[in-house]
Protein backbone atom coordinates (compact mmCIF):
# COMPACT_ATOMS: atom_id res chain seq x y z
CA MET A 1 24.83 5.61 44.07
CA PRO A 2 22.13 7.78 45.67
CA SER A 3 18.73 6.52 46.75
CA LEU A 4 15.43 8.29 46.62
CA PHE A 5 15.59 9.27 50.24
CA ASP A 6 19.10 10.61 50.23
CA GLU A 7 19.59 14.36 50.56
CA GLY A 8 20.51 16.23 47.40
CA CYS A 9 21.58 19.84 46.60
CA ILE A 10 20.23 22.24 44.00
CA GLY A 11 22.69 25.15 44.15
CA SER A 12 22.95 26.28 47.82
CA VAL A 13 19.66 24.57 48.84
CA MET A 14 19.80 21.12 50.44
CA LEU A 15 16.67 18.99 49.80
CA GLN A 16 15.64 16.12 52.17
CA ASN A 17 15.09 13.63 49.38
CA ARG A 18 15.07 13.34 45.59
CA PHE A 19 11.26 13.93 45.09
CA ILE A 20 10.06 17.22 43.61
CA ARG A 21 6.57 18.43 43.09
CA SER A 22 6.76 19.70 39.52
CA ALA A 23 5.04 23.04 38.73
CA THR A 24 1.25 22.45 38.53
CA LEU A 25 -1.36 25.09 37.55
CA GLU A 26 -3.49 25.56 40.70
CA GLY A 27 -6.17 27.88 39.26
CA MET A 28 -6.81 29.31 42.82
CA ALA A 29 -5.35 32.82 42.62
CA GLY A 30 -7.35 36.08 42.95
CA GLU A 31 -8.28 38.38 40.17
CA ARG A 32 -4.92 40.14 40.17
CA GLY A 33 -2.88 36.90 40.58
CA GLU A 34 -2.65 37.23 44.38
CA CYS A 35 -2.39 34.29 46.79
CA THR A 36 -5.60 33.20 48.33
CA GLU A 37 -6.41 31.22 51.53
CA SER A 38 -7.31 28.17 49.40
CA LEU A 39 -3.83 28.27 47.78
CA ILE A 40 -2.12 28.54 51.13
CA GLU A 41 -4.12 25.54 52.41
CA LEU A 42 -3.16 23.60 49.29
CA TYR A 43 0.50 24.19 49.98
CA ARG A 44 0.05 23.41 53.64
CA ASP A 45 -1.11 19.89 52.55
CA LEU A 46 1.70 19.57 50.08
CA SER A 47 4.42 20.69 52.54
CA GLN A 48 3.36 17.99 54.96
CA GLY A 49 3.42 15.37 52.17
CA GLY A 50 7.17 14.65 52.16
CA ALA A 51 8.43 16.05 48.88
CA GLY A 52 11.94 17.50 49.05
CA LEU A 53 10.91 20.50 46.96
CA LEU A 54 7.67 22.13 45.84
CA ILE A 55 7.57 24.21 42.67
CA THR A 56 4.68 26.57 42.31
CA GLY A 57 2.38 26.67 39.30
CA HIS A 58 3.61 29.11 36.65
CA ILE A 59 3.60 32.82 37.90
CA PHE A 60 3.13 35.38 35.25
CA VAL A 61 5.81 38.19 35.31
CA SER A 62 3.96 40.82 33.36
CA GLU A 63 0.28 41.45 32.78
CA GLU A 64 0.31 40.66 29.10
CA GLY A 65 1.94 37.32 29.95
CA ARG A 66 -1.01 35.79 31.91
CA ALA A 67 -1.95 32.42 30.55
CA THR A 68 -5.22 31.71 32.34
CA PRO A 69 -7.69 33.29 34.86
CA HIS A 70 -6.87 32.47 38.49
CA GLN A 71 -3.24 32.14 37.65
CA LEU A 72 -0.65 33.39 40.12
CA GLY A 73 1.14 36.63 39.28
CA LEU A 74 4.11 38.48 40.69
CA TYR A 75 4.36 41.58 38.48
CA ASP A 76 3.87 44.09 41.23
CA GLU A 77 5.20 44.84 44.72
CA SER A 78 1.77 44.64 46.30
CA LEU A 79 1.54 41.00 45.51
CA ILE A 80 4.54 40.08 47.71
CA PRO A 81 2.79 39.80 51.18
CA GLY A 82 0.52 37.05 49.98
CA PHE A 83 3.51 35.04 48.71
CA CYS A 84 5.23 35.62 52.11
CA SER A 85 2.31 33.76 53.73
CA LEU A 86 2.71 30.91 51.20
CA THR A 87 6.38 30.41 51.83
CA GLU A 88 5.90 30.72 55.59
CA VAL A 89 3.49 27.82 55.55
CA VAL A 90 5.89 25.53 53.56
CA HIS A 91 8.80 26.49 55.79
CA GLN A 92 6.75 25.86 58.91
CA TYR A 93 6.75 22.23 58.00
CA GLY A 94 10.40 22.13 57.01
CA GLY A 95 9.81 22.23 53.21
CA LYS A 96 11.50 24.05 50.40
CA ILE A 97 9.68 25.99 47.68
CA PHE A 98 10.77 27.59 44.40
CA ALA A 99 8.62 29.97 42.29
CA GLN A 100 8.20 29.14 38.61
CA LEU A 101 8.30 32.28 36.61
CA ALA A 102 6.59 32.37 33.14
CA HIS A 103 5.15 34.37 30.32
CA ALA A 104 2.57 32.83 28.10
CA GLY A 105 3.51 34.58 24.82
CA VAL A 106 1.06 33.79 22.00
CA TYR A 107 -1.09 31.71 24.40
CA ALA A 108 -1.78 34.70 26.65
CA HIS A 109 -5.34 35.02 28.05
CA PRO A 110 -7.26 37.58 25.86
CA ALA A 111 -8.78 39.37 28.87
CA ARG A 112 -6.78 42.52 28.31
CA PRO A 113 -7.36 43.67 24.63
CA GLU A 114 -5.06 46.60 25.11
CA LEU A 115 -2.18 44.18 25.80
CA PRO A 116 -1.70 42.00 22.67
CA PRO A 117 0.02 38.69 23.25
CA LEU A 118 3.76 38.71 22.48
CA ALA A 119 5.34 36.39 19.96
CA ALA A 120 8.86 35.57 18.95
CA THR A 121 7.73 35.84 15.35
CA ALA A 122 4.22 37.04 14.61
CA GLY A 123 2.18 34.36 12.83
CA ALA A 124 4.84 31.71 12.69
CA ALA A 125 2.87 28.97 14.45
CA GLU A 126 -0.46 30.42 15.49
CA PRO A 127 -1.37 32.72 12.60
CA GLU A 128 -5.08 32.92 13.65
CA LYS A 129 -4.22 34.34 17.06
CA ARG A 130 -3.93 38.14 17.67
CA GLN A 131 -0.27 38.84 18.51
CA LYS A 132 2.56 41.29 18.41
CA GLU A 133 6.10 40.41 17.39
CA CYS A 134 8.64 41.34 20.13
CA THR A 135 10.62 44.45 19.36
CA GLU A 136 13.98 45.28 20.93
CA ASP A 137 12.17 47.37 23.51
CA ASP A 138 9.81 44.49 24.32
CA LEU A 139 12.77 42.17 24.84
CA GLU A 140 14.39 44.59 27.22
CA SER A 141 11.14 44.90 29.10
CA LEU A 142 10.79 41.17 29.30
CA ILE A 143 14.29 40.69 30.78
CA THR A 144 13.49 43.41 33.31
CA ALA A 145 10.13 41.82 34.17
CA PHE A 146 11.65 38.42 34.86
CA LYS A 147 14.54 39.94 36.91
CA GLU A 148 12.11 42.01 38.98
CA ALA A 149 9.78 39.03 39.52
CA ALA A 150 12.81 37.01 40.67
CA GLU A 151 13.69 39.82 43.13
CA ARG A 152 10.13 39.67 44.52
CA THR A 153 10.34 35.97 45.02
CA PHE A 154 13.47 36.54 47.14
CA GLN A 155 11.69 39.21 49.18
CA ALA A 156 8.75 36.84 49.53
CA GLY A 157 10.98 34.09 51.12
CA PHE A 158 11.20 31.65 48.31
CA ASP A 159 14.17 29.31 48.23
CA GLY A 160 14.82 29.67 44.49
CA VAL A 161 13.26 30.22 41.16
CA GLN A 162 12.53 28.24 37.97
CA LEU A 163 12.18 29.68 34.54
CA HIS A 164 9.43 28.02 32.50
CA ALA A 165 10.93 27.55 29.04
CA ALA A 166 8.89 24.49 28.10
CA HIS A 167 5.62 23.47 26.44
CA GLY A 168 5.29 26.33 24.00
CA TYR A 169 5.17 29.34 26.37
CA LEU A 170 7.13 32.49 25.48
CA LEU A 171 10.63 31.42 26.46
CA SER A 172 9.96 27.99 24.80
CA GLN A 173 8.73 29.93 21.69
CA PHE A 174 12.09 31.71 21.40
CA LEU A 175 13.96 28.41 21.70
CA SER A 176 11.82 26.67 19.08
CA PRO A 177 12.12 27.08 15.23
CA ARG A 178 8.37 26.32 15.15
CA TYR A 179 7.67 29.69 16.71
CA ASN A 180 10.95 31.63 16.08
CA GLU A 181 11.68 32.65 12.51
CA ARG A 182 13.52 35.83 13.43
CA GLU A 183 16.44 37.05 11.42
CA ASP A 184 18.06 39.20 14.11
CA SER A 185 20.30 38.18 17.06
CA TYR A 186 17.43 36.34 18.69
CA GLY A 187 16.69 33.95 15.82
CA GLY A 188 18.35 31.33 13.57
CA SER A 189 21.18 29.54 15.50
CA VAL A 190 20.93 27.81 18.79
CA GLU A 191 23.00 30.60 20.37
CA ASN A 192 20.64 33.26 19.09
CA ARG A 193 17.38 31.40 19.91
CA SER A 194 18.63 30.85 23.49
CA ARG A 195 19.79 34.48 23.84
CA LEU A 196 16.61 35.78 25.57
CA VAL A 197 16.65 32.99 28.19
CA ARG A 198 20.46 33.50 28.74
CA LEU A 199 20.08 37.18 29.20
CA ILE A 200 17.26 36.70 31.71
CA VAL A 201 19.37 34.26 33.72
CA ARG A 202 22.37 36.67 33.53
CA SER A 203 20.22 39.60 34.74
CA MET A 204 18.84 37.56 37.64
CA ARG A 205 22.29 36.35 38.66
CA GLU A 206 23.60 39.92 38.60
CA SER A 207 20.72 41.01 40.90
CA LEU A 208 20.43 38.04 43.21
CA GLY A 209 23.96 36.71 43.34
CA LYS A 210 25.25 33.12 43.13
CA GLN A 211 23.51 31.74 46.29
CA PHE A 212 19.92 32.04 45.03
CA PRO A 213 19.19 28.88 42.99
CA ILE A 214 17.90 29.26 39.44
CA LEU A 215 16.38 26.27 37.56
CA VAL A 216 15.21 26.13 33.99
CA LYS A 217 12.42 23.85 32.85
CA MET A 218 12.80 23.08 29.09
CA ASN A 219 11.74 20.70 26.39
CA CYS A 220 14.07 17.94 25.48
CA SER A 221 12.16 18.07 22.12
CA ASP A 222 9.00 19.71 20.85
CA PHE A 223 8.14 16.43 18.97
CA THR A 224 6.91 18.49 15.99
CA VAL A 225 8.39 19.39 12.59
CA PRO A 226 9.61 22.06 12.58
CA GLY A 227 10.45 22.24 16.34
CA LEU A 228 13.11 22.08 18.98
CA GLU A 229 15.15 18.88 18.61
CA LEU A 230 17.07 16.90 21.23
CA HIS A 231 20.62 17.80 20.08
CA GLU A 232 19.68 21.49 20.04
CA SER A 233 18.06 21.31 23.50
CA VAL A 234 21.25 19.72 25.06
CA GLU A 235 23.31 22.47 23.47
CA ILE A 236 21.04 25.12 24.91
CA ALA A 237 21.28 23.52 28.35
CA LEU A 238 25.08 23.68 28.06
CA LEU A 239 24.90 27.38 27.22
CA LEU A 240 22.61 27.93 30.25
CA GLU A 241 25.01 25.95 32.48
CA ARG A 242 27.68 28.39 31.52
CA GLU A 243 25.38 31.24 32.64
CA GLY A 244 25.32 29.69 36.05
CA ILE A 245 21.94 27.97 36.33
CA ASP A 246 21.76 25.33 39.06
CA GLY A 247 19.70 22.58 37.34
CA VAL A 248 17.46 21.64 34.38
CA GLU A 249 14.06 20.01 34.55
CA ILE A 250 13.47 17.89 31.50
CA SER A 251 10.04 17.87 29.89
CA GLY A 252 8.78 17.75 26.37
CA GLY A 253 6.02 18.54 23.90
CA LEU A 254 3.81 21.47 23.41
CA LEU A 255 0.47 22.75 24.74
CA THR A 256 -1.04 21.77 21.35
CA SER A 257 0.43 18.28 21.43
CA ARG A 258 -1.83 15.31 21.98
CA ARG A 259 0.07 12.02 21.43
CA ARG A 260 3.45 13.39 22.69
CA GLY A 261 2.46 16.21 24.96
CA PRO A 262 3.50 16.81 28.58
CA THR A 263 0.31 15.48 30.22
CA ARG A 264 -0.39 12.20 28.37
CA MET A 265 -3.41 10.06 29.28
CA GLY A 266 -3.54 6.37 30.06
CA VAL A 267 -0.16 5.92 31.91
CA ASP A 268 -1.26 2.59 33.26
CA THR A 269 1.88 0.34 32.96
CA ILE A 270 5.53 0.66 34.03
CA GLU A 271 6.55 0.64 30.43
CA LYS A 272 4.59 3.89 29.73
CA GLU A 273 6.11 5.74 32.68
CA ALA A 274 8.88 8.33 32.44
CA PHE A 275 8.15 9.68 28.98
CA PHE A 276 11.58 11.36 28.54
CA ARG A 277 13.93 8.97 30.29
CA ASP A 278 16.10 8.32 27.22
CA GLU A 279 16.45 11.99 26.57
CA SER A 280 17.30 12.61 30.23
CA THR A 281 20.10 10.11 29.98
CA LEU A 282 21.81 12.22 27.35
CA PHE A 283 21.41 15.37 29.44
CA LYS A 284 22.94 13.66 32.44
CA LYS A 285 25.92 12.55 30.43
CA ARG A 286 26.54 16.03 28.94
CA LEU A 287 25.86 18.36 31.94
CA ASP A 288 27.47 18.75 35.32
CA ILE A 289 24.43 20.31 37.09
CA PRO A 290 21.53 18.40 38.53
CA ILE A 291 18.99 16.89 36.07
CA ILE A 292 15.28 16.74 37.11
CA LEU A 293 13.02 14.47 35.16
CA VAL A 294 9.30 14.91 34.94
CA GLY A 295 6.64 13.12 32.83
CA GLY A 296 4.50 10.14 33.70
CA ILE A 297 6.34 8.90 36.81
CA ARG A 298 3.66 6.96 38.75
CA SER A 299 5.56 4.25 40.69
CA TYR A 300 8.23 4.06 43.32
CA GLU A 301 9.86 1.31 41.17
CA THR A 302 10.25 3.62 38.25
CA ALA A 303 11.48 6.52 40.40
CA GLU A 304 14.08 4.18 42.06
CA VAL A 305 15.37 2.93 38.72
CA LEU A 306 15.75 6.50 37.39
CA ILE A 307 17.99 7.52 40.32
CA GLU A 308 19.90 4.28 40.67
CA ARG A 309 20.74 4.11 37.00
CA ASP A 310 21.87 7.74 36.93
CA ILE A 311 19.24 8.76 34.41
CA CYS A 312 18.49 11.90 36.49
CA ASP A 313 19.32 13.30 39.98
CA PHE A 314 15.76 14.18 41.05
CA VAL A 315 12.34 12.88 39.98
CA ALA A 316 9.44 15.29 39.62
CA LEU A 317 5.75 14.41 39.81
CA CYS A 318 2.77 16.53 38.87
CA ARG A 319 -0.61 14.77 38.64
CA PRO A 320 0.18 12.19 41.36
CA PHE A 321 0.45 15.08 43.92
CA ILE A 322 -2.94 16.30 42.89
CA SER A 323 -4.45 12.94 43.68
CA GLU A 324 -2.37 12.25 46.80
CA PRO A 325 -0.34 15.07 48.28
CA GLY A 326 1.16 12.63 50.86
CA ILE A 327 2.42 10.09 48.34
CA VAL A 328 6.16 10.55 49.24
CA ASN A 329 5.48 9.98 52.88
CA ARG A 330 3.42 6.90 52.09
CA TRP A 331 6.31 5.46 50.12
CA LYS A 332 8.73 6.34 52.84
CA SER A 333 6.61 4.44 55.27
CA GLY A 334 7.05 1.32 53.27
CA ASP A 335 3.73 1.24 51.41
CA LEU A 336 5.11 1.22 47.88
CA LYS A 337 1.86 0.89 45.89
CA LYS A 338 1.97 3.01 42.76
CA SER A 339 0.14 6.28 42.55
CA ARG A 340 -3.56 5.96 42.22
CA CYS A 341 -3.47 8.67 39.54
CA ASN A 342 -4.76 7.14 36.28
CA SER A 343 -3.79 10.12 34.12
CA ASP A 344 -7.35 10.87 32.99
CA ASN A 345 -6.67 14.62 33.20
CA LEU A 346 -10.03 15.36 34.78
CA CYS A 347 -8.16 17.19 37.53
CA PHE A 348 -7.69 20.21 35.34
CA ARG A 349 -11.46 20.59 34.54
CA PRO A 350 -12.40 22.31 37.78
CA ILE A 351 -9.96 25.14 36.93
CA ILE A 352 -12.28 26.24 34.12
CA ASN A 353 -15.11 26.69 36.71
CA GLY A 354 -12.85 28.69 39.01
CA GLU A 355 -12.80 25.86 41.60
CA GLY A 356 -9.03 25.18 41.42
CA VAL A 357 -7.27 22.02 40.47
CA ARG A 358 -8.28 18.84 42.29
CA CYS A 359 -8.55 15.12 41.74
CA VAL A 360 -12.08 14.51 40.46
CA THR A 361 -11.80 10.74 40.18
CA PHE A 362 -10.78 10.01 43.79
CA SER A 363 -12.21 12.98 45.65
CA LYS A 364 -15.36 13.35 47.69
CA HIS A 365 -16.75 15.44 44.82
CA VAL A 366 -16.95 12.56 42.42
CA GLY A 367 -20.43 12.51 40.81
CA GLU A 368 -21.03 16.23 41.14
């Protein structure tokens, strides 16, 4: 049985341990989505912290798909050089880095009124939001946008990519009956609702070959009615496995969720950790590719149990790395105290002010 500090493979990439920094919105990009010096310094700290793999915050693949200001983008060739600097820093310290590619769908930032947010079905879940239902031409453009963004990640020196199909962003919207009421070949059955994601994976595979790893982050459940349910999610993961993906990261809930969302507050006991462990167990039994579990993992003890009991192959942390970039090295040194992160979610507030994500509670800026 593997331990947390055993090597592990995701596709062709060997990771030094079973810890992954899950995609985390940084809020430090330039106006066009370009890398900045502050972003590169953030990843310099993370790359020295001991995680086997770093996954970037979500990177928008086309301009109408931007979710927030100061979000990374990779929709144009001119943005590649900045990402080269980012990957060079990570590789300098022996780390591995994947780029998370995303499209916000109906939750797109309204800064470009000439680019209405795209929806699987207009008005299905967010009727008050301005949106445009995807046409066949839009769908073809989306497939191309994701493929070309993946090609740019390869040119920029990333070790792999992850598709963000969780939390209610566009790919998640297509998977979920909450957002998808289409009556064409992209709606209805599990096969149809997963068609867009499967075609994107297929297009990326045809372009980049079998050696460039592709992960998919997806909800085990939306925890809403109507919404994506666990049995459907597992079937979608099996379909994606047949398309040749190299692993699945299990999350859950929607951006609009409170009680059962992806960033729950008050994770202060062992019992509250690993929100989706039961669901991950089912994925692990049904799939042959690596399973990554994220959601409320705060202690070494919990992470160890998840690996030793074969609940997942890799453990992913988000907010603990904001508070303590070197937490994996600390645990490796023998200091097994749990993460100091108390899940108060204050770390995301500085993003609104254009300062970038940071731990407010335990930083020198406390009290500002």
